[in-house]
């Protein structure tokens, strides 16, 4: 006889409903007791968390419960093996919690399974973009949840800091080669808005790997590509896919493309230029963002090649100013057309006079040298009001608009109401 246990919530009721055979719970008890996995269960529904905690602990897992997004972010650590995250939380959306966990160094490699009573296709796309590893719609079968948990934890264990040797290097290389050969990446676009006379300045093209057997977020993918010698192929693929889609929509808008110093240092100018020759995107509207994924290895070669790119019409932005490798010396040497202020500086800037002083200095420098300043990672109205007061030229961030896989300028321009608000 089929044994199953279904967990969910009756429509219009707070009652938890279960269908199970008690033998199916007993079967498998203690399977993991010799090596307990730490599970963080994030859900404010006490009836769900109590029942699910009991069942998982009977299977040999150690379960900790967080009832809010803030609590989840506080308690998650590098000893957490998996996070089961509900989308509806009392203080913030589960998507926001997922993104913040993936942005933190200590928690970026923790696999996340998203739970939702009503998960639409666009929710799935956004969840996967933000770094979620799997999703499950309520009501769900308990055995299916356990199977997905184990599969996800096996997939991502290779990138945990304490498990770096868990997978043969050949496996990683094969996966990177498969991603490049089969073009298993998806372009996303986040709008950037001018603040003084509000309008859409352009789009930053971002990359999300399609669901693969190993890589769980873009940062891990590009770090592995650099380490194993696939970076240039992967970045060129990301540019080609972004431009192939965006060229159908772009007119005067600029497109911002992430660019590792490795790419500029290499002898790839003709290859790079050929990508743009095949699209309708004018090079004059392209801004290459020098990212902080790695440092410049040979400054003289880098700056010489930078000038060759600029002679072809490319513009440059120094990304993550205030974080990573984006020092003031880098700005002085590159002489960029755009400076992007790191989100860690922008976060809670309305509450921090020290951060405001730093931004005032950067803005003054930019204005004196005719450099466009952009604030990254704007997440609240208060942050937006503050950066406008400080004189920053443009902004992007989740408060204004999420990264999306489809370009709809009419929909994006709805965010201008937020930019224009006082």
Protein backbone atom coordinates (compact mmCIF):
# COMPACT_ATOMS: atom_id res chain seq x y z
CA UNK A 1 0.00 0.00 0.00
CA UNK A 2 1.31 3.47 -0.90
CA UNK A 3 2.31 5.35 2.22
CA UNK A 4 2.22 9.13 1.99
CA UNK A 5 2.10 12.20 4.13
CA UNK A 6 0.85 15.45 2.70
CA UNK A 7 1.52 18.76 4.41
CA UNK A 8 -0.35 21.91 3.65
CA UNK A 9 -3.12 24.24 4.73
CA UNK A 10 -6.80 23.96 3.94
CA UNK A 11 -8.11 26.88 1.91
CA UNK A 12 -9.72 29.41 4.23
CA UNK A 13 -8.67 27.51 7.33
CA UNK A 14 -5.79 27.46 9.78
CA UNK A 15 -6.03 23.70 10.15
CA UNK A 16 -3.07 21.62 9.08
CA UNK A 17 -4.10 18.51 7.24
CA UNK A 18 -2.10 15.30 7.12
CA UNK A 19 -2.64 12.06 5.26
CA UNK A 20 -0.24 9.40 6.40
CA UNK A 21 0.40 5.88 7.59
CA UNK A 22 2.36 5.87 10.84
CA UNK A 23 4.58 3.06 9.51
CA UNK A 24 5.82 5.40 6.78
CA UNK A 25 7.10 7.76 9.47
CA UNK A 26 8.82 5.02 11.43
CA UNK A 27 10.49 3.68 8.29
CA UNK A 28 13.84 5.36 7.91
CA UNK A 29 14.02 6.73 11.47
CA UNK A 30 17.59 7.17 12.52
CA UNK A 31 18.96 6.96 8.99
CA UNK A 32 20.97 10.15 9.53
CA UNK A 33 21.61 10.04 13.26
CA UNK A 34 25.34 9.41 12.83
CA UNK A 35 25.78 12.61 10.87
CA UNK A 36 22.89 14.99 11.55
CA UNK A 37 22.22 17.67 8.98
CA UNK A 38 21.23 21.10 10.31
CA UNK A 39 18.00 22.35 8.77
CA UNK A 40 16.70 25.91 9.19
CA UNK A 41 12.93 26.02 8.74
CA UNK A 42 11.64 29.53 8.03
CA UNK A 43 7.85 29.83 8.39
CA UNK A 44 5.55 31.78 10.70
CA UNK A 45 2.85 29.09 10.66
CA UNK A 46 3.38 27.35 13.99
CA UNK A 47 1.21 24.36 13.06
CA UNK A 48 3.39 23.68 10.02
CA UNK A 49 6.74 24.20 11.75
CA UNK A 50 5.84 22.01 14.74
CA UNK A 51 4.69 19.11 12.61
CA UNK A 52 7.48 19.40 10.04
CA UNK A 53 10.14 19.77 12.76
CA UNK A 54 8.90 16.62 14.47
CA UNK A 55 8.90 14.62 11.25
CA UNK A 56 12.34 15.80 10.16
CA UNK A 57 13.86 15.17 13.57
CA UNK A 58 12.41 11.65 13.49
CA UNK A 59 14.37 11.17 10.27
CA UNK A 60 17.59 12.20 11.97
CA UNK A 61 17.81 15.89 11.03
CA UNK A 62 18.47 18.69 13.51
CA UNK A 63 15.86 21.42 12.94
CA UNK A 64 15.88 25.06 13.97
CA UNK A 65 12.86 27.28 13.34
CA UNK A 66 12.78 30.97 12.42
CA UNK A 67 9.41 32.70 12.24
CA UNK A 68 10.58 35.90 10.50
CA UNK A 69 12.95 36.81 7.68
CA UNK A 70 15.10 38.89 10.02
CA UNK A 71 15.50 35.98 12.42
CA UNK A 72 16.42 33.64 9.56
CA UNK A 73 19.16 35.97 8.35
CA UNK A 74 20.49 36.32 11.91
CA UNK A 75 20.63 32.62 12.78
CA UNK A 76 21.75 31.13 9.43
CA UNK A 77 25.45 30.28 9.52
CA UNK A 78 28.06 28.16 7.78
CA UNK A 79 26.96 25.22 9.94
CA UNK A 80 23.48 25.32 8.36
CA UNK A 81 23.14 22.56 5.76
CA UNK A 82 19.80 23.57 4.23
CA UNK A 83 17.15 26.29 4.51
CA UNK A 84 13.47 25.58 3.87
CA UNK A 85 11.99 29.02 3.22
CA UNK A 86 8.33 30.01 3.03
CA UNK A 87 7.56 32.92 0.69
CA UNK A 88 5.03 34.59 2.99
CA UNK A 89 6.62 35.96 6.16
CA UNK A 90 5.36 38.66 8.55
CA UNK A 91 8.24 41.12 8.08
CA UNK A 92 9.40 40.66 4.47
CA UNK A 93 8.98 38.49 1.38
CA UNK A 94 10.78 35.17 1.23
CA UNK A 95 12.39 36.34 -2.03
CA UNK A 96 14.04 39.20 -0.14
CA UNK A 97 15.31 36.80 2.52
CA UNK A 98 16.67 34.47 -0.16
CA UNK A 99 18.56 37.29 -1.85
CA UNK A 100 20.08 38.57 1.40
CA UNK A 101 21.21 35.09 2.42
CA UNK A 102 22.86 34.54 -0.96
CA UNK A 103 24.62 37.91 -0.74
CA UNK A 104 26.21 37.15 2.65
CA UNK A 105 29.58 35.43 2.44
CA UNK A 106 28.75 33.15 5.39
CA UNK A 107 25.50 31.89 3.90
CA UNK A 108 25.90 32.18 0.12
CA UNK A 109 26.52 28.45 -0.35
CA UNK A 110 23.65 27.23 1.83
CA UNK A 111 21.05 25.54 -0.39
CA UNK A 112 17.52 26.96 -0.19
CA UNK A 113 14.22 25.27 -0.98
CA UNK A 114 11.34 27.71 -1.40
CA UNK A 115 7.86 26.75 -0.22
CA UNK A 116 4.72 28.50 -1.40
CA UNK A 117 0.99 27.87 -1.38
CA UNK A 118 0.73 29.39 -4.86
CA UNK A 119 3.96 29.40 -6.83
CA UNK A 120 3.55 30.89 -10.30
CA UNK A 121 6.04 30.47 -13.17
CA UNK A 122 7.33 34.02 -12.69
CA UNK A 123 7.87 33.25 -8.99
CA UNK A 124 9.91 30.21 -9.93
CA UNK A 125 12.05 32.27 -12.33
CA UNK A 126 12.66 34.97 -9.71
CA UNK A 127 13.45 32.41 -7.01
CA UNK A 128 15.98 30.63 -9.20
CA UNK A 129 17.54 33.94 -10.24
CA UNK A 130 17.99 34.91 -6.60
CA UNK A 131 19.85 31.68 -5.91
CA UNK A 132 17.16 29.30 -4.66
CA UNK A 133 17.99 25.70 -5.45
CA UNK A 134 14.52 24.19 -5.61
CA UNK A 135 10.88 24.98 -4.96
CA UNK A 136 7.87 23.08 -3.71
CA UNK A 137 4.20 24.01 -3.78
CA UNK A 138 1.96 23.44 -0.77
CA UNK A 139 0.44 20.99 -0.12
CA UNK A 140 3.39 18.66 -0.65
CA UNK A 141 4.22 15.07 0.13
CA UNK A 142 6.64 14.72 3.01
CA UNK A 143 8.69 12.05 1.23
CA UNK A 144 9.06 14.32 -1.80
CA UNK A 145 10.37 17.12 0.42
CA UNK A 146 12.94 14.79 1.99
CA UNK A 147 14.03 13.53 -1.44
CA UNK A 148 14.47 17.09 -2.71
CA UNK A 149 16.35 18.08 0.44
CA UNK A 150 18.85 15.29 0.04
CA UNK A 151 19.29 15.93 -3.69
CA UNK A 152 19.92 19.66 -3.18
CA UNK A 153 22.39 19.09 -0.34
CA UNK A 154 24.35 16.61 -2.47
CA UNK A 155 24.47 19.07 -5.39
CA UNK A 156 25.86 22.02 -3.52
CA UNK A 157 28.17 20.37 -1.01
CA UNK A 158 31.12 20.86 -3.36
CA UNK A 159 31.10 24.62 -2.80
CA UNK A 160 30.82 24.66 0.98
CA UNK A 161 33.97 26.14 2.49
CA UNK A 162 34.56 23.05 4.60
CA UNK A 163 33.99 20.64 1.68
CA UNK A 164 36.13 22.07 -1.13
CA UNK A 165 37.69 18.70 -1.91
CA UNK A 166 34.38 16.84 -2.09
CA UNK A 167 34.24 16.80 -5.89
CA UNK A 168 36.87 15.91 -8.45
CA UNK A 169 38.11 18.92 -10.42
CA UNK A 170 37.31 17.08 -13.66
CA UNK A 171 33.64 17.12 -12.71
CA UNK A 172 33.68 20.90 -12.27
CA UNK A 173 35.48 21.39 -15.58
CA UNK A 174 32.99 19.15 -17.38
CA UNK A 175 30.09 21.09 -15.92
CA UNK A 176 31.60 24.43 -16.92
CA UNK A 177 32.24 23.14 -20.42
CA UNK A 178 28.64 21.88 -20.62
CA UNK A 179 27.25 25.26 -19.52
CA UNK A 180 29.31 27.10 -22.14
CA UNK A 181 28.72 24.58 -24.94
CA UNK A 182 24.98 24.21 -24.33
CA UNK A 183 24.60 27.91 -23.46
CA UNK A 184 22.92 27.15 -20.13
CA UNK A 185 22.62 30.72 -18.91
CA UNK A 186 19.75 33.22 -18.92
CA UNK A 187 20.12 37.03 -19.22
CA UNK A 188 18.27 39.25 -16.76
CA UNK A 189 18.00 43.04 -16.89
CA UNK A 190 17.76 45.65 -14.13
CA UNK A 191 16.85 49.23 -15.05
CA UNK A 192 18.95 52.22 -14.00
CA UNK A 193 17.12 55.53 -13.53
CA UNK A 194 18.37 59.10 -13.67
CA UNK A 195 17.23 60.96 -10.55
CA UNK A 196 17.30 64.71 -11.24
CA UNK A 197 15.11 64.69 -14.34
CA UNK A 198 13.67 61.22 -13.86
CA UNK A 199 13.98 58.92 -16.85
CA UNK A 200 15.33 55.50 -17.74
CA UNK A 201 19.08 55.71 -18.34
CA UNK A 202 19.65 52.10 -19.34
CA UNK A 203 19.79 48.48 -18.28
CA UNK A 204 22.39 46.41 -16.50
CA UNK A 205 22.62 42.93 -18.00
CA UNK A 206 22.97 40.20 -15.40
CA UNK A 207 23.49 36.48 -15.79
CA UNK A 208 21.75 33.57 -14.10
CA UNK A 209 22.79 29.97 -14.78
CA UNK A 210 20.01 27.64 -15.76
CA UNK A 211 19.40 24.98 -13.18
CA UNK A 212 22.54 22.87 -13.28
CA UNK A 213 23.75 19.96 -11.24
CA UNK A 214 26.36 22.00 -9.39
CA UNK A 215 26.18 25.79 -9.60
CA UNK A 216 23.62 27.52 -7.43
CA UNK A 217 24.21 31.20 -8.12
CA UNK A 218 26.00 33.46 -10.63
CA UNK A 219 28.81 34.45 -8.29
CA UNK A 220 29.87 30.85 -7.75
CA UNK A 221 29.62 30.16 -11.47
CA UNK A 222 31.91 33.04 -12.46
CA UNK A 223 34.38 32.34 -9.65
CA UNK A 224 34.67 28.74 -10.83
CA UNK A 225 34.99 29.91 -14.44
CA UNK A 226 37.93 32.16 -13.48
CA UNK A 227 39.58 29.38 -11.48
CA UNK A 228 39.24 26.77 -14.22
CA UNK A 229 39.98 28.95 -17.23
CA UNK A 230 36.46 29.33 -18.66
CA UNK A 231 35.91 32.98 -17.78
CA UNK A 232 36.34 34.58 -21.20
CA UNK A 233 34.12 32.02 -22.92
CA UNK A 234 31.44 32.40 -20.26
CA UNK A 235 31.48 36.20 -20.26
CA UNK A 236 31.35 36.34 -24.05
CA UNK A 237 28.40 33.95 -23.98
CA UNK A 238 26.66 36.14 -21.39
CA UNK A 239 27.20 39.24 -23.52
CA UNK A 240 26.00 37.55 -26.70
CA UNK A 241 22.80 36.28 -25.12
CA UNK A 242 22.05 39.60 -23.41
CA UNK A 243 22.69 41.62 -26.59
CA UNK A 244 20.75 39.23 -28.84
CA UNK A 245 17.66 39.81 -26.71
CA UNK A 246 18.15 43.46 -25.72
CA UNK A 247 19.01 44.69 -29.22
CA UNK A 248 15.34 44.22 -30.20
CA UNK A 249 14.30 46.80 -27.61
CA UNK A 250 17.15 49.26 -27.05
CA UNK A 251 17.08 52.63 -28.79
CA UNK A 252 18.88 55.43 -26.95
CA UNK A 253 19.15 53.48 -23.69
CA UNK A 254 22.58 52.36 -22.53
CA UNK A 255 23.39 48.76 -21.70
CA UNK A 256 25.80 47.99 -18.87
CA UNK A 257 27.80 44.74 -19.16
CA UNK A 258 29.93 43.26 -16.40
CA UNK A 259 33.56 42.94 -17.41
CA UNK A 260 36.33 41.29 -15.43
CA UNK A 261 39.81 42.87 -15.71
CA UNK A 262 40.97 39.53 -17.17
CA UNK A 263 38.94 40.23 -20.29
CA UNK A 264 40.52 43.64 -20.89
CA UNK A 265 44.02 42.32 -20.19
CA UNK A 266 43.64 39.54 -22.77
CA UNK A 267 44.08 39.97 -26.50
CA UNK A 268 40.33 39.81 -27.16
CA UNK A 269 39.39 43.25 -28.52
CA UNK A 270 38.54 42.03 -32.02
CA UNK A 271 36.51 39.15 -30.59
CA UNK A 272 34.65 41.52 -28.29
CA UNK A 273 33.98 44.05 -31.03
CA UNK A 274 32.66 41.35 -33.37
CA UNK A 275 29.88 40.58 -30.87
CA UNK A 276 28.56 44.12 -31.21
CA UNK A 277 29.02 44.21 -34.97
CA UNK A 278 26.39 41.46 -35.18
CA UNK A 279 23.78 43.44 -33.22
CA UNK A 280 22.04 46.79 -33.62
CA UNK A 281 23.44 48.09 -30.32
CA UNK A 282 25.80 51.04 -30.97
CA UNK A 283 29.10 50.68 -29.14
CA UNK A 284 28.67 54.28 -27.96
CA UNK A 285 25.74 53.07 -25.85
CA UNK A 286 27.73 50.27 -24.21
CA UNK A 287 29.20 50.68 -20.72
CA UNK A 288 31.61 47.97 -19.58
CA UNK A 289 31.55 47.64 -15.80
CA UNK A 290 34.95 46.70 -14.42
CA UNK A 291 33.86 44.26 -11.73
CA UNK A 292 35.52 43.38 -8.45
CA UNK A 293 35.59 39.65 -9.07
CA UNK A 294 39.39 39.82 -9.27
CA UNK A 295 42.26 42.26 -9.16
CA UNK A 296 44.19 43.56 -12.15
CA UNK A 297 47.23 41.34 -12.63
CA UNK A 298 49.24 43.61 -14.96
CA UNK A 299 48.28 47.27 -14.70
CA UNK A 300 50.32 48.49 -17.66
CA UNK A 301 48.78 45.97 -20.07
CA UNK A 302 45.34 46.59 -18.59
CA UNK A 303 45.46 50.37 -19.05
CA UNK A 304 46.94 50.10 -22.55
CA UNK A 305 44.16 47.76 -23.66
CA UNK A 306 41.59 49.92 -21.89
CA UNK A 307 42.56 52.84 -24.11
CA UNK A 308 42.19 50.64 -27.21
CA UNK A 309 38.65 49.72 -26.15
CA UNK A 310 37.84 53.36 -25.51
CA UNK A 311 39.09 54.35 -28.97
CA UNK A 312 36.52 51.93 -30.41
CA UNK A 313 33.75 53.81 -28.57
CA UNK A 314 33.28 51.73 -25.43
CA UNK A 315 32.63 53.56 -22.16
CA UNK A 316 33.71 52.25 -18.78
CA UNK A 317 32.28 52.14 -15.28
CA UNK A 318 34.13 51.30 -12.11
CA UNK A 319 31.79 48.95 -10.26
CA UNK A 320 31.43 48.48 -6.49
CA UNK A 321 33.23 51.68 -5.47
CA UNK A 322 33.70 51.37 -1.74
CA UNK A 323 34.06 47.57 -1.88
CA UNK A 324 36.12 44.84 -3.53
CA UNK A 325 39.06 46.05 -5.64
CA UNK A 326 37.46 49.37 -6.62
CA UNK A 327 39.87 51.78 -4.95
CA UNK A 328 40.27 55.51 -5.61
CA UNK A 329 43.51 54.68 -7.40
CA UNK A 330 41.51 52.49 -9.81
CA UNK A 331 39.20 55.41 -10.57
CA UNK A 332 42.14 57.75 -11.14
CA UNK A 333 43.85 55.29 -13.49
CA UNK A 334 40.80 54.16 -15.46
CA UNK A 335 39.22 57.63 -15.68
CA UNK A 336 35.77 56.05 -16.09
CA UNK A 337 32.70 57.67 -17.58
CA UNK A 338 30.64 56.12 -14.77
CA UNK A 339 31.22 55.34 -11.10
CA UNK A 340 28.89 52.87 -9.36
CA UNK A 341 28.79 53.20 -5.58
CA UNK A 342 28.74 49.85 -3.80
CA UNK A 343 25.45 48.72 -2.25
CA UNK A 344 27.12 48.24 1.13
CA UNK A 345 27.71 51.99 1.23
CA UNK A 346 24.13 52.73 0.10
CA UNK A 347 22.50 50.30 2.55
CA UNK A 348 20.91 52.27 5.43
CA UNK A 349 22.73 55.41 4.28
CA UNK A 350 19.81 57.47 5.59
CA UNK A 351 20.82 56.39 9.12
CA UNK A 352 24.59 56.73 8.80
CA UNK A 353 26.26 60.15 8.60
CA UNK A 354 29.65 58.55 8.01
CA UNK A 355 28.39 56.86 4.84
CA UNK A 356 26.81 60.13 3.77
CA UNK A 357 30.16 61.88 4.12
CA UNK A 358 31.85 59.26 1.94
CA UNK A 359 29.18 59.62 -0.73
CA UNK A 360 29.44 63.43 -0.64
CA UNK A 361 33.15 63.11 -1.39
CA UNK A 362 32.58 60.64 -4.25
CA UNK A 363 29.80 62.77 -5.75
CA UNK A 364 31.92 65.94 -5.59
CA UNK A 365 34.80 64.11 -7.27
CA UNK A 366 32.49 62.81 -10.00
CA UNK A 367 30.94 66.21 -10.69
CA UNK A 368 34.36 67.87 -10.89
CA UNK A 369 35.48 65.28 -13.44
CA UNK A 370 32.20 64.95 -15.40
CA UNK A 371 31.68 61.34 -14.25
CA UNK A 372 28.17 59.95 -13.88
CA UNK A 373 27.52 58.57 -10.39
CA UNK A 374 25.15 55.63 -9.83
CA UNK A 375 23.99 54.21 -6.51
CA UNK A 376 23.64 50.43 -6.46
CA UNK A 377 21.38 48.38 -4.22
CA UNK A 378 18.74 50.98 -3.32
CA UNK A 379 16.21 49.05 -1.26
CA UNK A 380 14.10 51.62 0.58
CA UNK A 381 12.39 54.93 -0.06
CA UNK A 382 14.50 56.51 2.70
CA UNK A 383 17.73 55.46 0.96
CA UNK A 384 16.47 56.88 -2.33
CA UNK A 385 15.50 60.23 -0.77
CA UNK A 386 18.93 60.47 0.91
CA UNK A 387 20.99 59.74 -2.20
CA UNK A 388 18.95 62.24 -4.21
CA UNK A 389 19.68 64.85 -1.53
CA UNK A 390 23.40 63.97 -1.72
CA UNK A 391 23.42 64.62 -5.47
CA UNK A 392 23.91 61.13 -6.91
CA UNK A 393 22.98 61.14 -10.60
CA UNK A 394 21.27 57.75 -10.99
CA UNK A 395 20.20 54.66 -9.09
CA UNK A 396 19.23 51.02 -9.36
CA UNK A 397 18.00 48.52 -6.82
CA UNK A 398 15.13 46.36 -5.67
CA UNK A 399 13.14 49.32 -4.35
CA UNK A 400 13.02 50.71 -7.87
CA UNK A 401 12.84 47.51 -9.93
CA UNK A 402 13.84 43.85 -9.69
CA UNK A 403 16.08 42.22 -12.32
CA UNK A 404 13.75 40.62 -14.90
CA UNK A 405 14.22 38.26 -17.87
CA UNK A 406 11.91 40.33 -20.09
CA UNK A 407 12.34 43.93 -21.22
CA UNK A 408 9.13 45.93 -20.92
CA UNK A 409 9.95 49.63 -20.91
CA UNK A 410 6.36 50.66 -20.19
CA UNK A 411 6.36 48.53 -17.07
CA UNK A 412 9.86 49.64 -16.03
CA UNK A 413 8.90 53.29 -16.41
CA UNK A 414 6.23 52.83 -13.76
CA UNK A 415 9.15 53.05 -11.31
CA UNK A 416 9.61 56.70 -12.30
CA UNK A 417 6.77 57.47 -9.92
CA UNK A 418 9.01 56.30 -7.07
CA UNK A 419 11.98 58.29 -8.39
CA UNK A 420 9.88 61.46 -8.63
CA UNK A 421 8.29 61.06 -5.18
CA UNK A 422 9.44 63.35 -2.39
